[in-house]
Amino acid sequence: MRDDPTSALRAFHAIARHGSFTRAAATLEVSPSALSQTVSALERQLGVRLLQRTTRKVGLTEAGAQFLERIGPALAEIDGAIEALRQHGERPAGTLRITASYSLFDQLLGPLLGEFLRRYPDITLELVVDNALSDLIGEGIDAGIRLGERLARDMVAVPLGGPLRAVVAGSPSYFARHGRPQHPRELAQHRCARFRFTGSGGIYRWEFAHPSGRQRGRWFETEVDGPLIANDPAVPIHAALDGTLLVHVLEPMVREHLAAGRLQTVLDDWLPPFDGFHLYYPSRRQVPPKLRAFIEFLRERLA
């Protein structure tokens, strides 16, 4: 850190991101005491307190929050420029930070990670697992993977794997006890798993599209109720398997259970394919070799 003129800013940024001197020090590979001294010197230099320190946690002052919002993108741009210089004309190398949701890592990325790391031994892959949409520039993340419908317009989006479809699934024992809904409105009489968004805290309303008539293809939302709420859609699948409830999930997440007959689907006509997963990154950022290699690898493996 001493050879980096931005070391004090990076120290403050790391502490704010982790909410802990200990975790930030581990990330920067310095001691917590050295990190504390660096930030204290920065506060003295600026004449403003940036952090609120207690025995249990570290928080931002109002001035610190405003400062963090300004320097986050600047540090990311500096890192991008340095990385581009280091890798100019070289093989893909360096730390590649990728964010995606929990279920996406399990279903899409998990089986491919070993092959990617063997193919590119000079790349260190750092995975940021979060269901919320991350601030790529502010958090120093190279790229994210999300459904196309959730991406901001100012992002470069690379399609991965083609269209997807969701399913409503339950066990044979559940349907034997509760019957099989024939229309989304009948879900009001069923026990359904609910998903809570990490960022907003809102509850996902199950989505369907009219299969026929004047509104054919038009999507609408249905509010459901049930005994389980989770922030990872993979969690309720266990409850569906034991006959407790119905789940609304991406078809690949339950494909093996459907093939084995452990789960069955209903309302298939109301669930057409939709825009699938995309890898996305800021449009103004130069794509470094490490990210290009990751994009090409995923497109090859998911074609």
Protein backbone atom coordinates (compact mmCIF):
# COMPACT_ATOMS: atom_id res chain seq x y z
CA MET A 1 0.00 0.00 0.00
CA ARG A 2 2.89 2.42 0.71
CA ASP A 3 3.93 2.50 -2.96
CA ASP A 4 0.40 3.40 -4.07
CA PRO A 5 -0.45 7.14 -3.94
CA THR A 6 -4.12 6.20 -3.59
CA SER A 7 -3.46 3.85 -0.65
CA ALA A 8 -5.27 6.00 1.92
CA LEU A 9 -8.32 6.27 -0.31
CA ARG A 10 -8.26 2.52 -0.92
CA ALA A 11 -8.00 1.90 2.81
CA PHE A 12 -11.07 4.03 3.50
CA HIS A 13 -12.97 2.44 0.59
CA ALA A 14 -12.19 -1.08 1.83
CA ILE A 15 -13.27 -0.32 5.41
CA ALA A 16 -16.53 1.26 4.20
CA ARG A 17 -17.26 -1.70 1.91
CA HIS A 18 -16.57 -4.36 4.54
CA GLY A 19 -17.81 -2.43 7.58
CA SER A 20 -14.82 -3.78 9.50
CA PHE A 21 -11.16 -2.88 9.98
CA THR A 22 -10.27 -6.57 10.37
CA ARG A 23 -11.91 -7.75 7.15
CA ALA A 24 -10.62 -4.75 5.20
CA ALA A 25 -7.09 -5.32 6.51
CA ALA A 26 -7.23 -8.95 5.40
CA THR A 27 -8.32 -7.86 1.92
CA LEU A 28 -5.50 -5.31 1.65
CA GLU A 29 -2.98 -7.65 3.34
CA VAL A 30 -2.01 -5.18 6.08
CA SER A 31 -2.53 -5.17 9.83
CA PRO A 32 -5.69 -3.60 11.31
CA SER A 33 -3.57 -1.17 13.31
CA ALA A 34 -1.71 0.00 10.20
CA LEU A 35 -5.03 0.43 8.41
CA SER A 36 -6.44 2.46 11.31
CA GLN A 37 -3.41 4.74 11.28
CA THR A 38 -3.71 5.26 7.52
CA VAL A 39 -7.36 6.32 7.75
CA SER A 40 -6.74 8.51 10.79
CA ALA A 41 -3.99 10.31 8.86
CA LEU A 42 -6.40 10.77 5.93
CA GLU A 43 -9.04 12.27 8.25
CA ARG A 44 -6.46 14.66 9.73
CA GLN A 45 -5.32 15.66 6.24
CA LEU A 46 -8.89 16.34 5.10
CA GLY A 47 -9.98 17.89 8.39
CA VAL A 48 -13.17 15.81 8.36
CA ARG A 49 -14.17 12.63 10.23
CA LEU A 50 -15.10 9.95 7.70
CA LEU A 51 -15.87 6.98 9.95
CA GLN A 52 -17.92 6.41 13.09
CA ARG A 53 -16.02 3.87 15.19
CA THR A 54 -17.57 1.86 18.02
CA THR A 55 -16.43 -1.27 19.80
CA ARG A 56 -18.86 -3.36 17.72
CA LYS A 57 -18.93 -1.86 14.23
CA VAL A 58 -17.66 0.80 11.86
CA GLY A 59 -20.03 3.14 10.04
CA LEU A 60 -19.82 6.15 7.76
CA THR A 61 -20.40 9.73 8.76
CA GLU A 62 -22.51 11.84 6.42
CA ALA A 63 -19.33 13.35 4.98
CA GLY A 64 -17.81 9.88 4.69
CA ALA A 65 -20.80 8.56 2.75
CA GLN A 66 -20.61 11.45 0.28
CA PHE A 67 -16.85 11.00 -0.08
CA LEU A 68 -17.24 7.25 -0.70
CA GLU A 69 -19.81 7.87 -3.42
CA ARG A 70 -17.32 10.10 -5.28
CA ILE A 71 -14.12 8.10 -4.92
CA GLY A 72 -15.58 4.63 -5.63
CA PRO A 73 -15.99 5.17 -9.39
CA ALA A 74 -12.67 7.06 -9.55
CA LEU A 75 -10.74 4.20 -7.96
CA ALA A 76 -12.42 1.72 -10.29
CA GLU A 77 -11.36 3.78 -13.30
CA ILE A 78 -7.78 3.99 -12.00
CA ASP A 79 -7.69 0.22 -11.47
CA GLY A 80 -9.07 -0.33 -14.96
CA ALA A 81 -6.41 1.90 -16.50
CA ILE A 82 -3.60 0.20 -14.58
CA GLU A 83 -4.93 -3.25 -15.42
CA ALA A 84 -5.18 -2.37 -19.11
CA LEU A 85 -1.57 -1.16 -19.10
CA ARG A 86 -0.31 -4.28 -17.35
CA GLN A 87 -2.18 -6.60 -19.67
CA HIS A 88 -1.53 -4.77 -22.94
CA GLY A 89 -0.45 -7.41 -25.41
CA GLU A 90 -0.27 -10.07 -22.67
CA ARG A 91 -2.24 -13.19 -21.88
CA PRO A 92 -5.32 -12.85 -19.62
CA ALA A 93 -4.18 -12.34 -16.03
CA GLY A 94 -5.07 -10.63 -12.76
CA THR A 95 -8.07 -10.69 -10.41
CA LEU A 96 -11.46 -10.89 -12.10
CA ARG A 97 -14.41 -9.90 -9.88
CA ILE A 98 -17.79 -11.26 -11.02
CA THR A 99 -21.17 -10.87 -9.30
CA ALA A 100 -24.23 -13.07 -9.76
CA SER A 101 -27.18 -14.38 -7.73
CA TYR A 102 -26.95 -17.42 -5.45
CA SER A 103 -29.00 -19.70 -7.67
CA LEU A 104 -27.10 -18.62 -10.78
CA PHE A 105 -23.79 -19.64 -9.24
CA ASP A 106 -25.25 -23.02 -8.31
CA GLN A 107 -26.91 -23.72 -11.64
CA LEU A 108 -24.78 -21.95 -14.25
CA LEU A 109 -21.32 -20.98 -13.05
CA GLY A 110 -20.52 -23.61 -10.43
CA PRO A 111 -20.02 -26.54 -12.83
CA LEU A 112 -17.79 -24.41 -15.11
CA LEU A 113 -15.44 -22.72 -12.63
CA GLY A 114 -12.84 -25.47 -12.45
CA GLU A 115 -12.50 -25.66 -16.22
CA PHE A 116 -12.14 -21.87 -16.54
CA LEU A 117 -9.45 -21.68 -13.84
CA ARG A 118 -7.50 -24.54 -15.43
CA ARG A 119 -7.67 -22.87 -18.83
CA TYR A 120 -6.52 -19.49 -17.48
CA PRO A 121 -4.08 -20.18 -14.61
CA ASP A 122 -2.99 -16.52 -14.39
CA ILE A 123 -6.52 -15.32 -13.53
CA THR A 124 -7.76 -15.19 -9.94
CA LEU A 125 -11.55 -15.32 -9.95
CA GLU A 126 -13.32 -13.49 -7.11
CA LEU A 127 -17.02 -14.29 -6.89
CA VAL A 128 -19.44 -11.80 -5.30
CA VAL A 129 -22.67 -13.69 -4.61
CA ASP A 130 -25.62 -11.35 -4.12
CA ASN A 131 -29.23 -11.36 -5.30
CA ALA A 132 -29.28 -7.55 -5.43
CA LEU A 133 -27.97 -5.61 -8.43
CA SER A 134 -24.47 -4.46 -7.46
CA ASP A 135 -22.90 -1.09 -8.27
CA LEU A 136 -20.17 -2.44 -10.54
CA ILE A 137 -18.07 0.72 -10.71
CA GLY A 138 -18.54 1.74 -7.09
CA GLU A 139 -17.71 -1.74 -5.78
CA GLY A 140 -14.83 -2.43 -8.13
CA ILE A 141 -16.58 -5.34 -9.87
CA ASP A 142 -15.60 -6.20 -13.44
CA ALA A 143 -18.93 -7.67 -14.58
CA GLY A 144 -22.19 -9.18 -13.40
CA ILE A 145 -24.58 -11.86 -14.63
CA ARG A 146 -28.33 -11.32 -14.34
CA LEU A 147 -31.54 -11.80 -16.29
CA GLY A 148 -31.72 -9.45 -19.26
CA GLU A 149 -34.92 -7.79 -18.02
CA ARG A 150 -33.14 -6.52 -14.87
CA LEU A 151 -30.24 -4.71 -16.57
CA ALA A 152 -29.79 -0.96 -16.79
CA ARG A 153 -29.80 0.52 -20.28
CA ASP A 154 -26.30 1.99 -19.95
CA MET A 155 -24.73 -1.48 -19.62
CA VAL A 156 -23.13 -3.57 -22.33
CA ALA A 157 -25.01 -6.89 -22.21
CA VAL A 158 -23.76 -10.18 -23.67
CA PRO A 159 -26.41 -12.93 -23.98
CA LEU A 160 -25.54 -16.24 -22.32
CA GLY A 161 -27.28 -19.52 -23.05
CA GLY A 162 -30.38 -18.26 -24.87
CA PRO A 163 -33.99 -17.90 -23.64
CA LEU A 164 -35.22 -19.37 -20.36
CA ARG A 165 -38.58 -20.32 -18.94
CA ALA A 166 -39.91 -20.59 -15.43
CA VAL A 167 -42.08 -23.38 -14.04
CA VAL A 168 -44.51 -23.81 -11.19
CA ALA A 169 -43.66 -27.13 -9.63
CA GLY A 170 -44.79 -29.33 -6.77
CA SER A 171 -44.46 -32.95 -5.67
CA PRO A 172 -46.97 -35.67 -6.64
CA SER A 173 -47.96 -35.91 -2.97
CA TYR A 174 -48.76 -32.18 -2.85
CA PHE A 175 -51.02 -32.41 -5.89
CA ALA A 176 -52.71 -35.53 -4.49
CA ARG A 177 -53.69 -33.56 -1.37
CA HIS A 178 -54.39 -30.09 -2.81
CA GLY A 179 -55.21 -30.60 -6.48
CA ARG A 180 -53.62 -29.02 -9.55
CA PRO A 181 -54.32 -25.34 -10.31
CA GLN A 182 -55.61 -24.74 -13.84
CA HIS A 183 -55.32 -20.93 -13.80
CA PRO A 184 -52.89 -18.58 -11.99
CA ARG A 185 -55.78 -17.08 -9.98
CA GLU A 186 -56.33 -20.50 -8.37
CA LEU A 187 -52.91 -20.16 -6.68
CA ALA A 188 -54.66 -18.11 -4.00
CA GLN A 189 -55.94 -21.42 -2.63
CA HIS A 190 -52.48 -23.02 -2.59
CA ARG A 191 -49.40 -22.95 -0.35
CA CYS A 192 -46.65 -21.19 -2.30
CA ALA A 193 -43.02 -20.32 -1.61
CA ARG A 194 -42.26 -16.61 -1.73
CA PHE A 195 -39.03 -14.86 -2.70
CA ARG A 196 -37.82 -11.64 -1.03
CA PHE A 197 -35.52 -9.33 -3.01
CA THR A 198 -32.30 -8.62 -1.14
CA GLY A 199 -31.96 -4.99 -2.21
CA SER A 200 -35.49 -3.60 -1.98
CA GLY A 201 -36.89 -6.10 0.52
CA GLY A 202 -40.00 -6.51 -1.62
CA ILE A 203 -41.75 -9.83 -2.22
CA TYR A 204 -41.66 -11.21 -5.77
CA ARG A 205 -45.09 -11.52 -7.38
CA TRP A 206 -45.27 -14.63 -9.57
CA GLU A 207 -45.27 -13.72 -13.27
CA PHE A 208 -47.34 -15.32 -16.04
CA ALA A 209 -48.33 -14.53 -19.63
CA HIS A 210 -51.77 -14.96 -21.19
CA PRO A 211 -51.66 -18.06 -23.46
CA SER A 212 -54.49 -17.03 -25.79
CA GLY A 213 -57.10 -14.44 -26.63
CA ARG A 214 -56.69 -10.72 -27.16
CA GLN A 215 -54.06 -10.46 -24.39
CA ARG A 216 -51.97 -13.39 -25.62
CA GLY A 217 -48.30 -12.99 -24.68
CA ARG A 218 -49.00 -10.16 -22.25
CA TRP A 219 -47.32 -10.68 -18.89
CA PHE A 220 -49.06 -10.07 -15.57
CA GLU A 221 -48.28 -10.61 -11.88
CA THR A 222 -50.06 -12.75 -9.31
CA GLU A 223 -49.66 -12.33 -5.57
CA VAL A 224 -49.35 -15.64 -3.72
CA ASP A 225 -49.21 -16.69 -0.08
CA GLY A 226 -47.55 -19.51 1.77
CA PRO A 227 -45.56 -20.68 4.79
CA LEU A 228 -42.03 -19.96 3.53
CA ILE A 229 -40.17 -16.79 2.47
CA ALA A 230 -36.53 -16.89 1.32
CA ASN A 231 -34.06 -14.59 -0.44
CA ASP A 232 -32.67 -17.47 -2.52
CA PRO A 233 -35.10 -19.23 -4.88
CA ALA A 234 -33.15 -22.48 -4.55
CA VAL A 235 -34.01 -22.83 -0.86
CA PRO A 236 -37.78 -23.59 -1.19
CA ILE A 237 -37.11 -26.45 -3.61
CA HIS A 238 -36.42 -28.70 -0.61
CA ALA A 239 -39.86 -27.88 0.80
CA ALA A 240 -41.45 -28.58 -2.57
CA LEU A 241 -39.77 -31.98 -2.74
CA ASP A 242 -41.27 -33.05 0.58
CA GLY A 243 -44.76 -32.00 -0.49
CA THR A 244 -45.08 -28.83 1.60
CA LEU A 245 -45.65 -26.21 -1.09
CA LEU A 246 -45.37 -25.04 -4.71
CA VAL A 247 -42.38 -23.19 -6.13
CA HIS A 248 -42.01 -20.76 -9.02
CA VAL A 249 -38.42 -21.14 -10.27
CA LEU A 250 -36.32 -21.27 -13.42
CA GLU A 251 -36.75 -24.62 -15.12
CA PRO A 252 -33.00 -25.55 -15.04
CA MET A 253 -33.08 -25.37 -11.22
CA VAL A 254 -35.49 -28.33 -11.02
CA ARG A 255 -34.78 -30.12 -14.30
CA GLU A 256 -33.31 -33.22 -12.64
CA HIS A 257 -36.21 -33.47 -10.18
CA LEU A 258 -38.72 -33.17 -13.03
CA ALA A 259 -36.96 -35.85 -15.07
CA ALA A 260 -36.94 -38.18 -12.06
CA GLY A 261 -40.63 -37.54 -11.29
CA ARG A 262 -39.91 -36.07 -7.86
CA LEU A 263 -41.56 -32.83 -9.02
CA GLN A 264 -44.26 -32.10 -11.57
CA THR A 265 -45.22 -28.84 -13.27
CA VAL A 266 -48.55 -27.03 -13.62
CA LEU A 267 -49.67 -23.93 -15.55
CA ASP A 268 -47.12 -24.62 -18.31
CA ASP A 269 -49.23 -22.82 -20.93
CA TRP A 270 -48.99 -19.65 -18.84
CA LEU A 271 -45.18 -19.68 -18.70
CA PRO A 272 -43.60 -19.04 -22.13
CA PRO A 273 -39.83 -18.51 -22.63
CA PHE A 274 -38.32 -15.11 -21.87
CA ASP A 275 -35.04 -13.25 -22.20
CA GLY A 276 -32.32 -15.28 -20.46
CA PHE A 277 -29.10 -14.49 -18.63
CA HIS A 278 -26.68 -11.79 -19.74
CA LEU A 279 -23.19 -10.90 -18.66
CA TYR A 280 -23.04 -7.10 -18.31
CA TYR A 281 -20.42 -4.42 -17.68
CA PRO A 282 -20.27 -0.59 -17.87
CA SER A 283 -20.38 0.69 -21.43
CA ARG A 284 -17.55 3.16 -20.98
CA ARG A 285 -15.11 0.61 -19.56
CA GLN A 286 -12.40 -0.86 -21.78
CA VAL A 287 -12.71 -4.64 -21.74
CA PRO A 288 -9.47 -6.11 -20.33
CA PRO A 289 -8.15 -9.46 -21.59
CA LYS A 290 -9.22 -11.28 -18.41
CA LEU A 291 -12.86 -10.23 -18.90
CA ARG A 292 -12.77 -10.94 -22.63
CA ALA A 293 -11.50 -14.44 -21.83
CA PHE A 294 -14.34 -15.00 -19.35
CA ILE A 295 -16.98 -13.79 -21.81
CA GLU A 296 -15.64 -15.97 -24.63
CA PHE A 297 -15.43 -18.98 -22.32
CA LEU A 298 -19.04 -18.66 -21.14
CA ARG A 299 -20.38 -18.10 -24.63
CA GLU A 300 -18.51 -21.18 -25.84
CA ARG A 301 -19.65 -23.42 -22.98
CA LEU A 302 -23.24 -22.17 -22.90
CA ALA A 303 -23.86 -22.04 -26.64
